[in-house]
């Protein structure tokens, strides 16, 4: 159970995790802003899931064709 604290104490892994999260968050926020999806934008901005929610948004939600 001491796996997570030991990972977060390693600076290289910690900074790589921050960079990973920032890249996915930036792309997801950009896509949601361009699509004028305010609810997704706020959720992506507030919730920190280390890129998981952002990847779900990018690959599943934002790829759907807008309905006419």
PDB file of N, CA and C in Angstrom:
ATOM      1  N   UNK A   1       0.806  -1.194   0.000  1.00  0.00           N
ATOM      2  CA  UNK A   1       0.000   0.000   0.000  1.00  0.00           C
ATOM      3  C   UNK A   1       0.856   1.269   0.000  1.00  0.00           C
ATOM      4  N   UNK A   2       2.135   1.147   0.199  1.00  0.00           N
ATOM      5  CA  UNK A   2       3.014   2.308   0.217  1.00  0.00           C
ATOM      6  C   UNK A   2       3.574   2.618  -1.166  1.00  0.00           C
ATOM      7  N   UNK A   3       2.939   2.096  -2.186  1.00  0.00           N
ATOM      8  CA  UNK A   3       3.414   2.267  -3.546  1.00  0.00           C
ATOM      9  C   UNK A   3       3.272   3.713  -4.021  1.00  0.00           C
ATOM     10  N   UNK A   4       2.113   4.307  -3.814  1.00  0.00           N
ATOM     11  CA  UNK A   4       1.861   5.676  -4.287  1.00  0.00           C
ATOM     12  C   UNK A   4       2.752   6.714  -3.605  1.00  0.00           C
ATOM     13  N   UNK A   5       2.888   6.718  -2.294  1.00  0.00           N
ATOM     14  CA  UNK A   5       3.784   7.713  -1.685  1.00  0.00           C
ATOM     15  C   UNK A   5       5.233   7.589  -2.153  1.00  0.00           C
ATOM     16  N   UNK A   6       5.688   6.373  -2.388  1.00  0.00           N
ATOM     17  CA  UNK A   6       7.068   6.210  -2.841  1.00  0.00           C
ATOM     18  C   UNK A   6       7.252   6.734  -4.261  1.00  0.00           C
ATOM     19  N   UNK A   7       6.240   6.606  -5.108  1.00  0.00           N
ATOM     20  CA  UNK A   7       6.309   7.145  -6.467  1.00  0.00           C
ATOM     21  C   UNK A   7       6.321   8.668  -6.432  1.00  0.00           C
ATOM     22  N   UNK A   8       5.461   9.238  -5.614  1.00  0.00           N
ATOM     23  CA  UNK A   8       5.352  10.695  -5.569  1.00  0.00           C
ATOM     24  C   UNK A   8       6.566  11.354  -4.923  1.00  0.00           C
ATOM     25  N   UNK A   9       7.355  10.602  -4.183  1.00  0.00           N
ATOM     26  CA  UNK A   9       8.568  11.157  -3.592  1.00  0.00           C
ATOM     27  C   UNK A   9       9.721  11.181  -4.584  1.00  0.00           C
ATOM     28  N   UNK A  10       9.601  10.457  -5.684  1.00  0.00           N
ATOM     29  CA  UNK A  10      10.628  10.466  -6.722  1.00  0.00           C
ATOM     30  C   UNK A  10      10.366  11.675  -7.635  1.00  0.00           C
ATOM     31  N   UNK A  11      11.257  12.667  -7.651  1.00  0.00           N
ATOM     32  CA  UNK A  11      10.998  13.894  -8.424  1.00  0.00           C
ATOM     33  C   UNK A  11      10.830  13.653  -9.925  1.00  0.00           C
ATOM     34  N   UNK A  12      11.569  12.732 -10.499  1.00  0.00           N
ATOM     35  CA  UNK A  12      11.467  12.497 -11.943  1.00  0.00           C
ATOM     36  C   UNK A  12      10.085  11.978 -12.318  1.00  0.00           C
ATOM     37  N   UNK A  13       9.578  11.037 -11.565  1.00  0.00           N
ATOM     38  CA  UNK A  13       8.247  10.492 -11.841  1.00  0.00           C
ATOM     39  C   UNK A  13       7.178  11.543 -11.557  1.00  0.00           C
ATOM     40  N   UNK A  14       7.352  12.294 -10.500  1.00  0.00           N
ATOM     41  CA  UNK A  14       6.381  13.322 -10.134  1.00  0.00           C
ATOM     42  C   UNK A  14       6.265  14.383 -11.230  1.00  0.00           C
ATOM     43  N   UNK A  15       7.390  14.871 -11.737  1.00  0.00           N
ATOM     44  CA  UNK A  15       7.356  15.892 -12.788  1.00  0.00           C
ATOM     45  C   UNK A  15       6.864  15.328 -14.118  1.00  0.00           C
ATOM     46  N   UNK A  16       7.180  14.085 -14.404  1.00  0.00           N
ATOM     47  CA  UNK A  16       6.660  13.448 -15.621  1.00  0.00           C
ATOM     48  C   UNK A  16       5.144  13.310 -15.538  1.00  0.00           C
ATOM     49  N   UNK A  17       4.632  12.976 -14.373  1.00  0.00           N
ATOM     50  CA  UNK A  17       3.192  12.860 -14.177  1.00  0.00           C
ATOM     51  C   UNK A  17       2.501  14.213 -14.335  1.00  0.00           C
ATOM     52  N   UNK A  18       3.115  15.261 -13.838  1.00  0.00           N
ATOM     53  CA  UNK A  18       2.562  16.613 -13.993  1.00  0.00           C
ATOM     54  C   UNK A  18       2.558  17.017 -15.470  1.00  0.00           C
ATOM     55  N   UNK A  19       3.646  16.756 -16.178  1.00  0.00           N
ATOM     56  CA  UNK A  19       3.715  17.099 -17.606  1.00  0.00           C
ATOM     57  C   UNK A  19       2.668  16.322 -18.397  1.00  0.00           C
ATOM     58  N   UNK A  20       2.531  15.024 -18.109  1.00  0.00           N
ATOM     59  CA  UNK A  20       1.536  14.177 -18.777  1.00  0.00           C
ATOM     60  C   UNK A  20       0.139  14.766 -18.589  1.00  0.00           C
ATOM     61  N   UNK A  21      -0.186  15.119 -17.363  1.00  0.00           N
ATOM     62  CA  UNK A  21      -1.499  15.648 -17.052  1.00  0.00           C
ATOM     63  C   UNK A  21      -1.742  16.997 -17.733  1.00  0.00           C
ATOM     64  N   UNK A  22      -0.740  17.862 -17.734  1.00  0.00           N
ATOM     65  CA  UNK A  22      -0.906  19.187 -18.345  1.00  0.00           C
ATOM     66  C   UNK A  22      -1.120  19.117 -19.854  1.00  0.00           C
ATOM     67  N   UNK A  23      -0.426  18.212 -20.510  1.00  0.00           N
ATOM     68  CA  UNK A  23      -0.594  18.075 -21.963  1.00  0.00           C
ATOM     69  C   UNK A  23      -2.016  17.639 -22.294  1.00  0.00           C
ATOM     70  N   UNK A  24      -2.495  16.582 -21.634  1.00  0.00           N
ATOM     71  CA  UNK A  24      -3.849  16.100 -21.917  1.00  0.00           C
ATOM     72  C   UNK A  24      -4.897  17.140 -21.529  1.00  0.00           C
ATOM     73  N   UNK A  25      -4.701  17.804 -20.399  1.00  0.00           N
ATOM     74  CA  UNK A  25      -5.657  18.820 -19.962  1.00  0.00           C
ATOM     75  C   UNK A  25      -5.701  19.986 -20.942  1.00  0.00           C
ATOM     76  N   UNK A  26      -4.549  20.423 -21.421  1.00  0.00           N
ATOM     77  CA  UNK A  26      -4.508  21.520 -22.382  1.00  0.00           C
ATOM     78  C   UNK A  26      -5.238  21.198 -23.672  1.00  0.00           C
ATOM     79  N   UNK A  27      -5.006  20.015 -24.209  1.00  0.00           N
ATOM     80  CA  UNK A  27      -5.670  19.611 -25.458  1.00  0.00           C
ATOM     81  C   UNK A  27      -7.176  19.498 -25.244  1.00  0.00           C
ATOM     82  N   UNK A  28      -7.587  18.866 -24.153  1.00  0.00           N
ATOM     83  CA  UNK A  28      -9.012  18.695 -23.886  1.00  0.00           C
ATOM     84  C   UNK A  28      -9.704  20.034 -23.652  1.00  0.00           C
ATOM     85  N   UNK A  29      -9.065  20.937 -22.913  1.00  0.00           N
ATOM     86  CA  UNK A  29      -9.656  22.255 -22.686  1.00  0.00           C
ATOM     87  C   UNK A  29      -9.762  23.038 -23.987  1.00  0.00           C
ATOM     88  N   UNK A  30      -8.755  22.946 -24.819  1.00  0.00           N
ATOM     89  CA  UNK A  30      -8.787  23.641 -26.099  1.00  0.00           C
ATOM     90  C   UNK A  30      -9.930  23.118 -26.970  1.00  0.00           C
ATOM     91  N   UNK A  31     -10.071  21.794 -27.048  1.00  0.00           N
ATOM     92  CA  UNK A  31     -11.136  21.216 -27.865  1.00  0.00           C
ATOM     93  C   UNK A  31     -12.524  21.573 -27.331  1.00  0.00           C
ATOM     94  N   UNK A  32     -12.694  21.542 -26.014  1.00  0.00           N
ATOM     95  CA  UNK A  32     -14.009  21.863 -25.460  1.00  0.00           C
ATOM     96  C   UNK A  32     -14.340  23.344 -25.628  1.00  0.00           C
ATOM     97  N   UNK A  33     -13.340  24.196 -25.550  1.00  0.00           N
ATOM     98  CA  UNK A  33     -13.590  25.624 -25.765  1.00  0.00           C
ATOM     99  C   UNK A  33     -13.954  25.901 -27.219  1.00  0.00           C
ATOM    100  N   UNK A  34     -13.256  25.250 -28.143  1.00  0.00           N
ATOM    101  CA  UNK A  34     -13.552  25.444 -29.563  1.00  0.00           C
ATOM    102  C   UNK A  34     -14.945  24.928 -29.933  1.00  0.00           C
ATOM    103  N   UNK A  35     -15.395  23.884 -29.227  1.00  0.00           N
ATOM    104  CA  UNK A  35     -16.716  23.316 -29.499  1.00  0.00           C
ATOM    105  C   UNK A  35     -17.808  24.005 -28.688  1.00  0.00           C
ATOM    106  N   UNK A  36     -17.437  25.028 -27.913  1.00  0.00           N
ATOM    107  CA  UNK A  36     -18.382  25.790 -27.091  1.00  0.00           C
ATOM    108  C   UNK A  36     -19.150  24.879 -26.127  1.00  0.00           C
ATOM    109  N   UNK A  37     -18.431  23.952 -25.499  1.00  0.00           N
ATOM    110  CA  UNK A  37     -19.025  23.034 -24.526  1.00  0.00           C
ATOM    111  C   UNK A  37     -18.591  23.472 -23.128  1.00  0.00           C
ATOM    112  N   UNK A  38     -19.337  24.402 -22.582  1.00  0.00           N
ATOM    113  CA  UNK A  38     -18.960  25.012 -21.303  1.00  0.00           C
ATOM    114  C   UNK A  38     -18.966  24.021 -20.144  1.00  0.00           C
ATOM    115  N   UNK A  39     -19.918  23.110 -20.143  1.00  0.00           N
ATOM    116  CA  UNK A  39     -19.984  22.118 -19.072  1.00  0.00           C
ATOM    117  C   UNK A  39     -18.744  21.239 -19.039  1.00  0.00           C
ATOM    118  N   UNK A  40     -18.339  20.759 -20.204  1.00  0.00           N
ATOM    119  CA  UNK A  40     -17.119  19.945 -20.286  1.00  0.00           C
ATOM    120  C   UNK A  40     -15.897  20.773 -19.910  1.00  0.00           C
ATOM    121  N   UNK A  41     -15.863  22.021 -20.358  1.00  0.00           N
ATOM    122  CA  UNK A  41     -14.710  22.868 -20.051  1.00  0.00           C
ATOM    123  C   UNK A  41     -14.534  23.018 -18.541  1.00  0.00           C
ATOM    124  N   UNK A  42     -15.610  23.307 -17.844  1.00  0.00           N
ATOM    125  CA  UNK A  42     -15.541  23.484 -16.394  1.00  0.00           C
ATOM    126  C   UNK A  42     -15.166  22.168 -15.712  1.00  0.00           C
ATOM    127  N   UNK A  43     -15.773  21.065 -16.149  1.00  0.00           N
ATOM    128  CA  UNK A  43     -15.463  19.765 -15.539  1.00  0.00           C
ATOM    129  C   UNK A  43     -13.995  19.404 -15.752  1.00  0.00           C
ATOM    130  N   UNK A  44     -13.488  19.619 -16.956  1.00  0.00           N
ATOM    131  CA  UNK A  44     -12.092  19.299 -17.244  1.00  0.00           C
ATOM    132  C   UNK A  44     -11.144  20.213 -16.479  1.00  0.00           C
ATOM    133  N   UNK A  45     -11.550  21.439 -16.266  1.00  0.00           N
ATOM    134  CA  UNK A  45     -10.707  22.390 -15.555  1.00  0.00           C
ATOM    135  C   UNK A  45     -10.638  22.072 -14.061  1.00  0.00           C
ATOM    136  N   UNK A  46     -11.749  21.648 -13.481  1.00  0.00           N
ATOM    137  CA  UNK A  46     -11.829  21.459 -12.038  1.00  0.00           C
ATOM    138  C   UNK A  46     -11.367  20.065 -11.599  1.00  0.00           C
ATOM    139  N   UNK A  47     -11.755  19.034 -12.351  1.00  0.00           N
ATOM    140  CA  UNK A  47     -11.470  17.662 -11.944  1.00  0.00           C
ATOM    141  C   UNK A  47     -10.087  17.255 -12.449  1.00  0.00           C
ATOM    142  N   UNK A  48      -9.268  16.745 -11.541  1.00  0.00           N
ATOM    143  CA  UNK A  48      -7.927  16.302 -11.914  1.00  0.00           C
ATOM    144  C   UNK A  48      -7.862  14.787 -11.831  1.00  0.00           C
ATOM    145  N   UNK A  49      -7.782  14.132 -12.998  1.00  0.00           N
ATOM    146  CA  UNK A  49      -7.762  12.675 -13.057  1.00  0.00           C
ATOM    147  C   UNK A  49      -6.498  12.161 -13.728  1.00  0.00           C
ATOM    148  N   UNK A  50      -5.451  12.953 -13.738  1.00  0.00           N
ATOM    149  CA  UNK A  50      -4.156  12.596 -14.333  1.00  0.00           C
ATOM    150  C   UNK A  50      -4.329  12.200 -15.803  1.00  0.00           C
ATOM    151  N   UNK A  51      -5.218  12.877 -16.485  1.00  0.00           N
ATOM    152  CA  UNK A  51      -5.377  12.685 -17.920  1.00  0.00           C
ATOM    153  C   UNK A  51      -6.455  11.708 -18.325  1.00  0.00           C
ATOM    154  N   UNK A  52      -7.037  10.977 -17.409  1.00  0.00           N
ATOM    155  CA  UNK A  52      -8.021   9.956 -17.774  1.00  0.00           C
ATOM    156  C   UNK A  52      -9.298  10.588 -18.311  1.00  0.00           C
ATOM    157  N   UNK A  53      -9.895  11.521 -17.571  1.00  0.00           N
ATOM    158  CA  UNK A  53     -11.116  12.190 -18.040  1.00  0.00           C
ATOM    159  C   UNK A  53     -10.839  12.962 -19.322  1.00  0.00           C
ATOM    160  N   UNK A  54      -9.673  13.558 -19.418  1.00  0.00           N
ATOM    161  CA  UNK A  54      -9.312  14.314 -20.613  1.00  0.00           C
ATOM    162  C   UNK A  54      -9.237  13.410 -21.840  1.00  0.00           C
ATOM    163  N   UNK A  55      -8.649  12.212 -21.687  1.00  0.00           N
ATOM    164  CA  UNK A  55      -8.562  11.277 -22.809  1.00  0.00           C
ATOM    165  C   UNK A  55      -9.948  10.774 -23.206  1.00  0.00           C
ATOM    166  N   UNK A  56     -10.806  10.542 -22.227  1.00  0.00           N
ATOM    167  CA  UNK A  56     -12.175  10.125 -22.533  1.00  0.00           C
ATOM    168  C   UNK A  56     -12.862  11.211 -23.346  1.00  0.00           C
ATOM    169  N   UNK A  57     -12.705  12.449 -22.934  1.00  0.00           N
ATOM    170  CA  UNK A  57     -13.323  13.548 -23.677  1.00  0.00           C
ATOM    171  C   UNK A  57     -12.760  13.639 -25.095  1.00  0.00           C
ATOM    172  N   UNK A  58     -11.442  13.601 -25.232  1.00  0.00           N
ATOM    173  CA  UNK A  58     -10.811  13.773 -26.541  1.00  0.00           C
ATOM    174  C   UNK A  58     -11.192  12.644 -27.490  1.00  0.00           C
ATOM    175  N   UNK A  59     -11.102  11.407 -27.033  1.00  0.00           N
ATOM    176  CA  UNK A  59     -11.275  10.270 -27.932  1.00  0.00           C
ATOM    177  C   UNK A  59     -12.711   9.796 -28.083  1.00  0.00           C
ATOM    178  N   UNK A  60     -13.584  10.091 -27.132  1.00  0.00           N
ATOM    179  CA  UNK A  60     -14.955   9.610 -27.233  1.00  0.00           C
ATOM    180  C   UNK A  60     -15.975  10.723 -27.455  1.00  0.00           C
ATOM    181  N   UNK A  61     -15.903  11.768 -26.666  1.00  0.00           N
ATOM    182  CA  UNK A  61     -16.939  12.799 -26.718  1.00  0.00           C
ATOM    183  C   UNK A  61     -16.704  13.787 -27.854  1.00  0.00           C
ATOM    184  N   UNK A  62     -15.494  14.288 -28.000  1.00  0.00           N
ATOM    185  CA  UNK A  62     -15.259  15.348 -28.993  1.00  0.00           C
ATOM    186  C   UNK A  62     -15.254  14.814 -30.416  1.00  0.00           C
ATOM    187  N   UNK A  63     -15.150  13.522 -30.609  1.00  0.00           N
ATOM    188  CA  UNK A  63     -15.121  12.953 -31.963  1.00  0.00           C
ATOM    189  C   UNK A  63     -16.522  12.768 -32.549  1.00  0.00           C
ATOM    190  N   UNK A  64     -17.554  12.879 -31.699  1.00  0.00           N
ATOM    191  CA  UNK A  64     -18.912  12.713 -32.198  1.00  0.00           C
ATOM    192  C   UNK A  64     -19.256  13.865 -33.128  1.00  0.00           C
ATOM    193  N   UNK A  65     -19.905  13.521 -34.212  1.00  0.00           N
ATOM    194  CA  UNK A  65     -20.332  14.521 -35.193  1.00  0.00           C
ATOM    195  C   UNK A  65     -21.473  15.345 -34.602  1.00  0.00           C
ATOM    196  N   UNK A  66     -21.445  16.663 -34.759  1.00  0.00           N
ATOM    197  CA  UNK A  66     -22.580  17.468 -34.280  1.00  0.00           C
ATOM    198  C   UNK A  66     -23.837  17.138 -35.082  1.00  0.00           C
ATOM    199  N   UNK A  67     -24.943  17.017 -34.388  1.00  0.00           N
ATOM    200  CA  UNK A  67     -26.198  16.690 -35.063  1.00  0.00           C
ATOM    201  C   UNK A  67     -26.857  17.961 -35.562  1.00  0.00           C
ATOM    202  N   UNK A  68     -27.361  17.891 -36.776  1.00  0.00           N
ATOM    203  CA  UNK A  68     -27.989  19.068 -37.394  1.00  0.00           C
ATOM    204  C   UNK A  68     -29.443  19.164 -37.084  1.00  0.00           C
TER     205      UNK A  68
END
